[in-house]
C-alpha atoms as a PDB file:
ATOM      1  CA  MET A   1     -17.671 -22.670 -37.480  1.00  0.00           C
ATOM      2  CA  ALA A   2     -17.008 -19.818 -39.904  1.00  0.00           C
ATOM      3  CA  ASP A   3     -14.463 -17.172 -38.960  1.00  0.00           C
ATOM      4  CA  ASN A   4     -17.178 -14.514 -39.155  1.00  0.00           C
ATOM      5  CA  ASP A   5     -19.331 -16.389 -36.616  1.00  0.00           C
ATOM      6  CA  LYS A   6     -16.377 -16.748 -34.258  1.00  0.00           C
ATOM      7  CA  LYS A   7     -15.667 -13.037 -34.498  1.00  0.00           C
ATOM      8  CA  GLN A   8     -19.289 -12.136 -33.760  1.00  0.00           C
ATOM      9  CA  ARG A   9     -19.415 -14.436 -30.738  1.00  0.00           C
ATOM     10  CA  PHE A  10     -16.127 -13.044 -29.466  1.00  0.00           C
ATOM     11  CA  GLU A  11     -17.325  -9.438 -29.827  1.00  0.00           C
ATOM     12  CA  LYS A  12     -20.613 -10.327 -28.109  1.00  0.00           C
ATOM     13  CA  THR A  13     -18.727 -11.879 -25.178  1.00  0.00           C
ATOM     14  CA  VAL A  14     -16.452  -8.866 -24.844  1.00  0.00           C
ATOM     15  CA  SER A  15     -19.397  -6.488 -25.019  1.00  0.00           C
ATOM     16  CA  GLY A  16     -21.236  -8.421 -22.307  1.00  0.00           C
ATOM     17  CA  ILE A  17     -18.243  -8.350 -19.959  1.00  0.00           C
ATOM     18  CA  GLN A  18     -17.751  -4.617 -20.508  1.00  0.00           C
ATOM     19  CA  GLN A  19     -21.413  -3.922 -19.778  1.00  0.00           C
ATOM     20  CA  ARG A  20     -21.246  -5.870 -16.511  1.00  0.00           C
ATOM     21  CA  PHE A  21     -17.806  -4.841 -15.246  1.00  0.00           C
ATOM     22  CA  GLY A  22     -16.936  -1.629 -17.115  1.00  0.00           C
ATOM     23  CA  LEU A  23     -15.075  -0.733 -20.298  1.00  0.00           C
ATOM     24  CA  LYS A  24     -11.655  -1.121 -18.661  1.00  0.00           C
ATOM     25  CA  ALA A  25     -12.346  -4.715 -17.598  1.00  0.00           C
ATOM     26  CA  ILE A  26     -11.212  -6.056 -20.967  1.00  0.00           C
ATOM     27  CA  ARG A  27      -9.305  -4.289 -23.728  1.00  0.00           C
ATOM     28  CA  PRO A  28      -7.030  -5.235 -26.620  1.00  0.00           C
ATOM     29  CA  LEU A  29      -3.507  -5.857 -25.367  1.00  0.00           C
ATOM     30  CA  LYS A  30      -2.018  -3.133 -27.535  1.00  0.00           C
ATOM     31  CA  GLN A  31      -4.102  -0.529 -25.696  1.00  0.00           C
ATOM     32  CA  THR A  32      -2.897  -1.781 -22.329  1.00  0.00           C
ATOM     33  CA  VAL A  33       0.774  -1.841 -23.292  1.00  0.00           C
ATOM     34  CA  SER A  34       0.810   1.600 -24.907  1.00  0.00           C
ATOM     35  CA  ALA A  35      -1.039   3.334 -22.104  1.00  0.00           C
ATOM     36  CA  PRO A  36       1.354   5.289 -19.826  1.00  0.00           C
ATOM     37  CA  ILE A  37       1.459   4.189 -16.206  1.00  0.00           C
ATOM     38  CA  PRO A  38       0.677   7.023 -13.766  1.00  0.00           C
ATOM     39  CA  HIS A  39       3.786   7.746 -11.746  1.00  0.00           C
ATOM     40  CA  LEU A  40       5.516  10.218  -9.469  1.00  0.00           C
ATOM     41  CA  PRO A  41       8.981  11.439 -10.565  1.00  0.00           C
ATOM     42  CA  THR A  42      11.750  11.020  -8.004  1.00  0.00           C
ATOM     43  CA  GLY A  43      13.550  14.207  -9.004  1.00  0.00           C
ATOM     44  CA  PHE A  44      16.494  12.197 -10.378  1.00  0.00           C
ATOM     45  CA  PRO A  45      16.190  11.683 -14.170  1.00  0.00           C
ATOM     46  CA  ASP A  46      18.626   8.748 -14.352  1.00  0.00           C
ATOM     47  CA  LEU A  47      16.728   6.862 -11.657  1.00  0.00           C
ATOM     48  CA  ASP A  48      13.362   7.638 -13.262  1.00  0.00           C
ATOM     49  CA  ALA A  49      14.639   6.298 -16.582  1.00  0.00           C
ATOM     50  CA  ALA A  50      15.978   3.112 -14.969  1.00  0.00           C
ATOM     51  CA  LEU A  51      12.601   2.450 -13.323  1.00  0.00           C
ATOM     52  CA  GLY A  52      11.029   2.160 -16.773  1.00  0.00           C
ATOM     53  CA  ILE A  53       7.833   4.130 -16.074  1.00  0.00           C
ATOM     54  CA  GLY A  54       9.391   7.453 -15.040  1.00  0.00           C
ATOM     55  CA  GLY A  55       9.198   7.221 -11.241  1.00  0.00           C
ATOM     56  CA  LEU A  56       7.188   5.652  -8.424  1.00  0.00           C
ATOM     57  CA  PRO A  57       3.874   4.074  -9.527  1.00  0.00           C
ATOM     58  CA  HIS A  58       0.646   5.663  -8.326  1.00  0.00           C
ATOM     59  CA  GLY A  59      -1.751   3.482  -6.340  1.00  0.00           C
ATOM     60  CA  ARG A  60       0.987   1.080  -5.248  1.00  0.00           C
ATOM     61  CA  ILE A  61       3.468   0.472  -2.447  1.00  0.00           C
ATOM     62  CA  SER A  62       7.152   1.379  -2.795  1.00  0.00           C
ATOM     63  CA  GLU A  63       9.997   0.856  -0.338  1.00  0.00           C
ATOM     64  CA  LEU A  64      13.324   2.623   0.200  1.00  0.00           C
ATOM     65  CA  ILE A  65      15.881   0.652   2.220  1.00  0.00           C
ATOM     66  CA  GLY A  66      19.142   1.860   3.743  1.00  0.00           C
ATOM     67  CA  ILE A  67      21.075   2.871   6.831  1.00  0.00           C
ATOM     68  CA  PRO A  68      20.415   6.382   8.221  1.00  0.00           C
ATOM     69  CA  THR A  69      23.279   7.947   6.210  1.00  0.00           C
ATOM     70  CA  SER A  70      22.658   6.095   2.942  1.00  0.00           C
ATOM     71  CA  GLY A  71      20.700   8.859   1.191  1.00  0.00           C
ATOM     72  CA  MET A  72      17.334   7.216   1.818  1.00  0.00           C
ATOM     73  CA  SER A  73      15.876  10.229   3.650  1.00  0.00           C
ATOM     74  CA  THR A  74      17.262  12.654   1.063  1.00  0.00           C
ATOM     75  CA  LEU A  75      15.626  10.738  -1.779  1.00  0.00           C
ATOM     76  CA  ALA A  76      12.314  10.646   0.120  1.00  0.00           C
ATOM     77  CA  LEU A  77      12.447  14.413   0.705  1.00  0.00           C
ATOM     78  CA  LYS A  78      13.261  15.023  -2.960  1.00  0.00           C
ATOM     79  CA  ILE A  79      10.202  12.956  -3.889  1.00  0.00           C
ATOM     80  CA  ILE A  80       8.059  15.074  -1.558  1.00  0.00           C
ATOM     81  CA  ALA A  81       9.430  18.211  -3.231  1.00  0.00           C
ATOM     82  CA  SER A  82       8.582  16.672  -6.608  1.00  0.00           C
ATOM     83  CA  VAL A  83       4.989  16.082  -5.464  1.00  0.00           C
ATOM     84  CA  GLN A  84       4.666  19.652  -4.267  1.00  0.00           C
ATOM     85  CA  GLY A  85       6.164  20.951  -7.510  1.00  0.00           C
ATOM     86  CA  GLN A  86       3.263  19.309  -9.350  1.00  0.00           C
ATOM     87  CA  GLY A  87       0.711  20.855  -6.996  1.00  0.00           C
ATOM     88  CA  GLY A  88       0.220  17.643  -5.017  1.00  0.00           C
ATOM     89  CA  ALA A  89      -0.049  17.017  -1.280  1.00  0.00           C
ATOM     90  CA  ALA A  90       2.138  14.817   0.922  1.00  0.00           C
ATOM     91  CA  VAL A  91       1.869  13.315   4.411  1.00  0.00           C
ATOM     92  CA  TYR A  92       4.893  12.207   6.444  1.00  0.00           C
ATOM     93  CA  LEU A  93       4.323   9.695   9.258  1.00  0.00           C
ATOM     94  CA  ASP A  94       7.383  10.291  11.422  1.00  0.00           C
ATOM     95  CA  ILE A  95       7.278   7.332  13.788  1.00  0.00           C
ATOM     96  CA  PRO A  96      10.874   7.582  15.109  1.00  0.00           C
ATOM     97  CA  HIS A  97      10.484  11.386  15.486  1.00  0.00           C
ATOM     98  CA  THR A  98      13.668  12.055  13.520  1.00  0.00           C
ATOM     99  CA  PHE A  99      12.270  14.394  10.840  1.00  0.00           C
ATOM    100  CA  ASP A 100      14.618  17.382  10.348  1.00  0.00           C
ATOM    101  CA  PRO A 101      12.631  20.445   9.140  1.00  0.00           C
ATOM    102  CA  ASP A 102      15.765  22.416   8.265  1.00  0.00           C
ATOM    103  CA  TYR A 103      17.200  19.643   6.113  1.00  0.00           C
ATOM    104  CA  ALA A 104      13.803  19.072   4.484  1.00  0.00           C
ATOM    105  CA  HIS A 105      13.658  22.766   3.586  1.00  0.00           C
ATOM    106  CA  ARG A 106      17.146  22.543   2.074  1.00  0.00           C
ATOM    107  CA  CYS A 107      15.900  19.618  -0.045  1.00  0.00           C
ATOM    108  CA  GLY A 108      13.208  21.850  -1.520  1.00  0.00           C
ATOM    109  CA  VAL A 109      10.268  20.760   0.648  1.00  0.00           C
ATOM    110  CA  ASN A 110       7.664  23.432   1.380  1.00  0.00           C
ATOM    111  CA  LEU A 111       7.003  22.724   5.048  1.00  0.00           C
ATOM    112  CA  ARG A 112       3.779  24.726   5.039  1.00  0.00           C
ATOM    113  CA  GLN A 113       2.317  22.458   2.374  1.00  0.00           C
ATOM    114  CA  MET A 114       3.281  19.153   3.995  1.00  0.00           C
ATOM    115  CA  MET A 115       1.473  17.373   6.813  1.00  0.00           C
ATOM    116  CA  LEU A 116       3.834  15.987   9.466  1.00  0.00           C
ATOM    117  CA  VAL A 117       2.304  13.357  11.758  1.00  0.00           C
ATOM    118  CA  HIS A 118       3.869  12.079  14.997  1.00  0.00           C
ATOM    119  CA  PRO A 119       2.043   8.885  16.035  1.00  0.00           C
ATOM    120  CA  TYR A 120       2.323   7.830  19.662  1.00  0.00           C
ATOM    121  CA  ASN A 121       3.556   4.375  18.671  1.00  0.00           C
ATOM    122  CA  VAL A 122       3.924   1.951  15.769  1.00  0.00           C
ATOM    123  CA  SER A 123       0.492   0.396  16.238  1.00  0.00           C
ATOM    124  CA  GLN A 124      -1.197   3.776  15.987  1.00  0.00           C
ATOM    125  CA  ALA A 125       0.800   4.624  12.851  1.00  0.00           C
ATOM    126  CA  ILE A 126      -0.259   1.392  11.156  1.00  0.00           C
ATOM    127  CA  ALA A 127      -3.878   2.048  12.151  1.00  0.00           C
ATOM    128  CA  MET A 128      -3.656   5.484  10.468  1.00  0.00           C
ATOM    129  CA  LEU A 129      -2.522   4.039   7.127  1.00  0.00           C
ATOM    130  CA  PRO A 130      -5.962   3.358   5.581  1.00  0.00           C
ATOM    131  CA  ASP A 131      -7.320   6.798   6.509  1.00  0.00           C
ATOM    132  CA  PHE A 132      -4.474   8.696   4.864  1.00  0.00           C
ATOM    133  CA  ALA A 133      -3.780   6.369   1.909  1.00  0.00           C
ATOM    134  CA  THR A 134      -7.382   5.999   0.731  1.00  0.00           C
ATOM    135  CA  SER A 135      -8.776   9.457   1.477  1.00  0.00           C
ATOM    136  CA  GLY A 136      -8.112  10.690  -2.041  1.00  0.00           C
ATOM    137  CA  GLY A 137      -6.754  13.950  -0.665  1.00  0.00           C
ATOM    138  CA  PHE A 138      -3.053  13.041  -0.800  1.00  0.00           C
ATOM    139  CA  ASP A 139      -0.674  12.067  -3.585  1.00  0.00           C
ATOM    140  CA  LEU A 140       2.110  10.708  -1.387  1.00  0.00           C
ATOM    141  CA  LEU A 141       2.169   9.062   2.029  1.00  0.00           C
ATOM    142  CA  VAL A 142       5.607   8.468   3.555  1.00  0.00           C
ATOM    143  CA  PHE A 143       5.796   5.874   6.341  1.00  0.00           C
ATOM    144  CA  ASP A 144       9.119   6.329   8.155  1.00  0.00           C
ATOM    145  CA  MET A 145       9.661   3.112  10.099  1.00  0.00           C
ATOM    146  CA  PRO A 146      11.790   2.907  13.251  1.00  0.00           C
ATOM    147  CA  LEU A 147      14.569   0.349  13.495  1.00  0.00           C
ATOM    148  CA  SER A 148      12.510  -1.726  15.918  1.00  0.00           C
ATOM    149  CA  LEU A 149       9.546  -2.354  13.596  1.00  0.00           C
ATOM    150  CA  PRO A 150      11.057  -4.911  11.182  1.00  0.00           C
ATOM    151  CA  THR A 151      12.086  -7.168  14.079  1.00  0.00           C
ATOM    152  CA  ALA A 152       8.895  -6.901  16.140  1.00  0.00           C
ATOM    153  CA  ALA A 153       6.689  -9.899  15.318  1.00  0.00           C
ATOM    154  CA  GLN A 154       3.462  -8.321  16.571  1.00  0.00           C
ATOM    155  CA  HIS A 155       4.002  -5.210  14.465  1.00  0.00           C
ATOM    156  CA  GLN A 156       4.816  -7.285  11.395  1.00  0.00           C
ATOM    157  CA  GLU A 157       1.570  -9.193  11.769  1.00  0.00           C
ATOM    158  CA  GLN A 158      -0.390  -5.960  12.165  1.00  0.00           C
ATOM    159  CA  LEU A 159       1.343  -4.378   9.184  1.00  0.00           C
ATOM    160  CA  SER A 160       0.809  -7.447   6.988  1.00  0.00           C
ATOM    161  CA  SER A 161      -2.911  -7.465   7.769  1.00  0.00           C
ATOM    162  CA  ALA A 162      -3.206  -3.734   7.053  1.00  0.00           C
ATOM    163  CA  LEU A 163      -1.356  -3.955   3.731  1.00  0.00           C
ATOM    164  CA  GLY A 164      -3.423  -6.905   2.568  1.00  0.00           C
ATOM    165  CA  ARG A 165      -6.632  -4.918   3.035  1.00  0.00           C
ATOM    166  CA  LEU A 166      -5.102  -1.756   1.597  1.00  0.00           C
ATOM    167  CA  LEU A 167      -4.032  -2.858  -1.891  1.00  0.00           C
ATOM    168  CA  ALA A 168      -7.380  -2.468  -3.686  1.00  0.00           C
ATOM    169  CA  PRO A 169      -8.475   0.871  -2.135  1.00  0.00           C
ATOM    170  CA  LEU A 170      -4.930   2.225  -2.542  1.00  0.00           C
ATOM    171  CA  HIS A 171      -5.111   1.488  -6.257  1.00  0.00           C
ATOM    172  CA  GLN A 172      -8.406   3.369  -6.486  1.00  0.00           C
ATOM    173  CA  SER A 173      -7.107   6.419  -4.614  1.00  0.00           C
ATOM    174  CA  GLY A 174      -3.929   6.647  -6.704  1.00  0.00           C
ATOM    175  CA  CYS A 175      -1.839   7.551  -3.658  1.00  0.00           C
ATOM    176  CA  VAL A 176       1.843   6.563  -3.607  1.00  0.00           C
ATOM    177  CA  LEU A 177       2.555   4.736  -0.336  1.00  0.00           C
ATOM    178  CA  LEU A 178       6.291   4.978   0.346  1.00  0.00           C
ATOM    179  CA  PHE A 179       7.938   3.064   3.191  1.00  0.00           C
ATOM    180  CA  LEU A 180      11.360   4.020   4.555  1.00  0.00           C
ATOM    181  CA  THR A 181      12.975   0.924   6.048  1.00  0.00           C
ATOM    182  CA  ALA A 182      15.989   1.781   8.177  1.00  0.00           C
ATOM    183  CA  LEU A 183      18.695  -0.858   8.561  1.00  0.00           C
ATOM    184  CA  PRO A 184      21.083  -0.935  11.523  1.00  0.00           C
ATOM    185  CA  PRO A 185      24.041   1.413  10.891  1.00  0.00           C
ATOM    186  CA  ALA A 186      26.527  -1.422  11.432  1.00  0.00           C
ATOM    187  CA  SER A 187      24.992  -3.380   8.537  1.00  0.00           C
ATOM    188  CA  ASN A 188      26.387  -0.956   5.933  1.00  0.00           C
ATOM    189  CA  SER A 189      23.139  -1.303   3.954  1.00  0.00           C
ATOM    190  CA  SER A 190      23.438  -5.083   3.812  1.00  0.00           C
ATOM    191  CA  LEU A 191      20.153  -6.913   3.300  1.00  0.00           C
ATOM    192  CA  ALA A 192      21.458  -9.689   5.532  1.00  0.00           C
ATOM    193  CA  THR A 193      19.957  -7.772   8.455  1.00  0.00           C
ATOM    194  CA  TYR A 194      16.552  -7.441   6.785  1.00  0.00           C
ATOM    195  CA  PRO A 195      14.117  -9.711   8.685  1.00  0.00           C
ATOM    196  CA  PRO A 196      13.008 -12.682   6.551  1.00  0.00           C
ATOM    197  CA  GLN A 197       9.523 -12.658   8.128  1.00  0.00           C
ATOM    198  CA  ALA A 198       8.774  -9.099   6.976  1.00  0.00           C
ATOM    199  CA  ALA A 199       5.604  -8.746   4.879  1.00  0.00           C
ATOM    200  CA  LEU A 200       6.518  -5.557   3.061  1.00  0.00           C
ATOM    201  CA  PRO A 201       8.723  -7.157   0.356  1.00  0.00           C
ATOM    202  CA  HIS A 202       5.706  -9.220  -0.727  1.00  0.00           C
ATOM    203  CA  TYR A 203       3.291  -6.294  -1.022  1.00  0.00           C
ATOM    204  CA  ALA A 204       5.665  -3.682  -2.453  1.00  0.00           C
ATOM    205  CA  SER A 205       5.654  -3.166  -6.221  1.00  0.00           C
ATOM    206  CA  LEU A 206       8.982  -1.332  -6.074  1.00  0.00           C
ATOM    207  CA  ARG A 207      11.928  -1.842  -3.703  1.00  0.00           C
ATOM    208  CA  LEU A 208      15.097   0.262  -3.804  1.00  0.00           C
ATOM    209  CA  LEU A 209      18.270  -0.261  -1.766  1.00  0.00           C
ATOM    210  CA  LEU A 210      20.428   2.822  -1.165  1.00  0.00           C
ATOM    211  CA  GLN A 211      24.113   2.678  -0.336  1.00  0.00           C
ATOM    212  CA  LYS A 212      26.412   5.627   0.254  1.00  0.00           C
ATOM    213  CA  GLU A 213      29.626   5.266  -1.738  1.00  0.00           C
ATOM    214  CA  ARG A 214      31.824   8.159  -0.607  1.00  0.00           C
ATOM    215  CA  TRP A 215      31.828  11.723   0.661  1.00  0.00           C
ATOM    216  CA  LEU A 216      32.678  14.559  -1.732  1.00  0.00           C
ATOM    217  CA  HIS A 217      35.174  17.058  -0.281  1.00  0.00           C
ATOM    218  CA  ARG A 218      36.032  20.622  -1.203  1.00  0.00           C
ATOM    219  CA  ARG A 219      39.200  21.526   0.692  1.00  0.00           C
ATOM    220  CA  GLN A 220      38.287  20.972   4.352  1.00  0.00           C
ATOM    221  CA  ASP A 221      34.527  20.980   3.797  1.00  0.00           C
ATOM    222  CA  ILE A 222      32.158  18.203   2.819  1.00  0.00           C
ATOM    223  CA  ARG A 223      30.250  19.353  -0.267  1.00  0.00           C
ATOM    224  CA  GLY A 224      28.138  16.239  -0.731  1.00  0.00           C
ATOM    225  CA  TYR A 225      28.286  12.518  -1.326  1.00  0.00           C
ATOM    226  CA  GLU A 226      27.831   9.862  -3.967  1.00  0.00           C
ATOM    227  CA  ALA A 227      25.357   7.031  -3.505  1.00  0.00           C
ATOM    228  CA  GLN A 228      24.009   4.087  -5.458  1.00  0.00           C
ATOM    229  CA  VAL A 229      20.433   2.917  -5.797  1.00  0.00           C
ATOM    230  CA  GLN A 230      19.904  -0.759  -6.537  1.00  0.00           C
ATOM    231  CA  ILE A 231      16.500  -1.727  -7.956  1.00  0.00           C
ATOM    232  CA  LEU A 232      15.734  -4.881  -5.986  1.00  0.00           C
ATOM    233  CA  LYS A 233      12.165  -5.359  -7.205  1.00  0.00           C
ATOM    234  CA  ASN A 234      10.114  -3.656  -9.906  1.00  0.00           C
ATOM    235  CA  LYS A 235       6.767  -5.112 -10.982  1.00  0.00           C
ATOM    236  CA  LEU A 236       6.240  -2.492 -13.689  1.00  0.00           C
ATOM    237  CA  GLY A 237       9.711  -2.229 -15.171  1.00  0.00           C
ATOM    238  CA  PRO A 238      13.223  -3.688 -15.213  1.00  0.00           C
ATOM    239  CA  ALA A 239      14.936  -4.723 -11.980  1.00  0.00           C
ATOM    240  CA  GLY A 240      18.516  -5.465 -11.029  1.00  0.00           C
ATOM    241  CA  HIS A 241      20.007  -2.191 -12.265  1.00  0.00           C
ATOM    242  CA  THR A 242      22.168   0.048 -10.094  1.00  0.00           C
ATOM    243  CA  VAL A 243      21.903   3.806 -10.572  1.00  0.00           C
ATOM    244  CA  PRO A 244      24.498   6.300  -9.242  1.00  0.00           C
ATOM    245  CA  LEU A 245      23.257   9.449  -7.499  1.00  0.00           C
ATOM    246  CA  THR A 246      25.179  12.580  -6.567  1.00  0.00           C
ATOM    247  CA  ILE A 247      23.950  14.773  -3.712  1.00  0.00           C
ATOM    248  CA  THR A 248      25.618  18.152  -3.134  1.00  0.00           C
ATOM    249  CA  PHE A 249      25.331  20.651  -0.289  1.00  0.00           C
ATOM    250  CA  ASN A 250      25.592  24.389  -0.856  1.00  0.00           C
ATOM    251  CA  GLY A 251      22.968  26.097   1.254  1.00  0.00           C
ATOM    252  CA  THR A 252      20.484  23.758  -0.393  1.00  0.00           C
ATOM    253  CA  VAL A 253      20.576  20.029  -1.070  1.00  0.00           C
ATOM    254  CA  LYS A 254      20.786  19.379  -4.797  1.00  0.00           C
ATOM    255  CA  GLY A 255      20.581  16.226  -6.832  1.00  0.00           C
ATOM    256  CA  GLU A 256      22.105  15.222 -10.133  1.00  0.00           C
ATOM    257  CA  ASP A 257      19.407  17.068 -12.075  1.00  0.00           C
ATOM    258  CA  ALA A 258      20.229  20.457 -10.520  1.00  0.00           C
ATOM    259  CA  PRO A 259      21.942  23.052 -12.738  1.00  0.00           C
END
């Protein structure tokens, strides 16, 4: 068969697929590779650069892991502030009821432009996920999990079922679904305490482990702390890197990108 005939048949096949399934169903690889991936900046330039795409991917699931003092909550609040700075909307599902409005304000979060939800229990929070994540009205949905959820088998089964049904509509909505997985304080951010039966590591496109390194002192006062973020999993960029973060307190909570 002549090369010209092969080319015509190939183009006819491609054209037929695009007519049936849309223009984006099949494209030359160079167009796919060069196209920027929609993302949400974390507010920390070094971390955004290490992630490869500039932040958390839209329409996918991301997970922050750490003990309560690891910097996990601070990073999540900085991401909310980043969303609001771009004119976006965020929802915070506060299952353990530990959200601190004052600290969130110090992290740059506009409390009047954020929806804070207090579910009655874990099951209700999981049931709310599809409504918030696929509504198209929010850019970021934070799911703050209590310490009991990762070890509760019935909740894991419910969460796994919900996430499996959520992947396709989440991609269409473009919402960033961010889970905060709290480890027991005694674990010192060790993944050895992370339950092996958990479904979230399978569904998440991005998983970050936060570990506090040391407090920063100014005379007798604590002026901040240093932490490290380890990229455990990254479907859209490099993984395995560890990125240092510096958080300082001075009336407000500032990150490494603050002047």
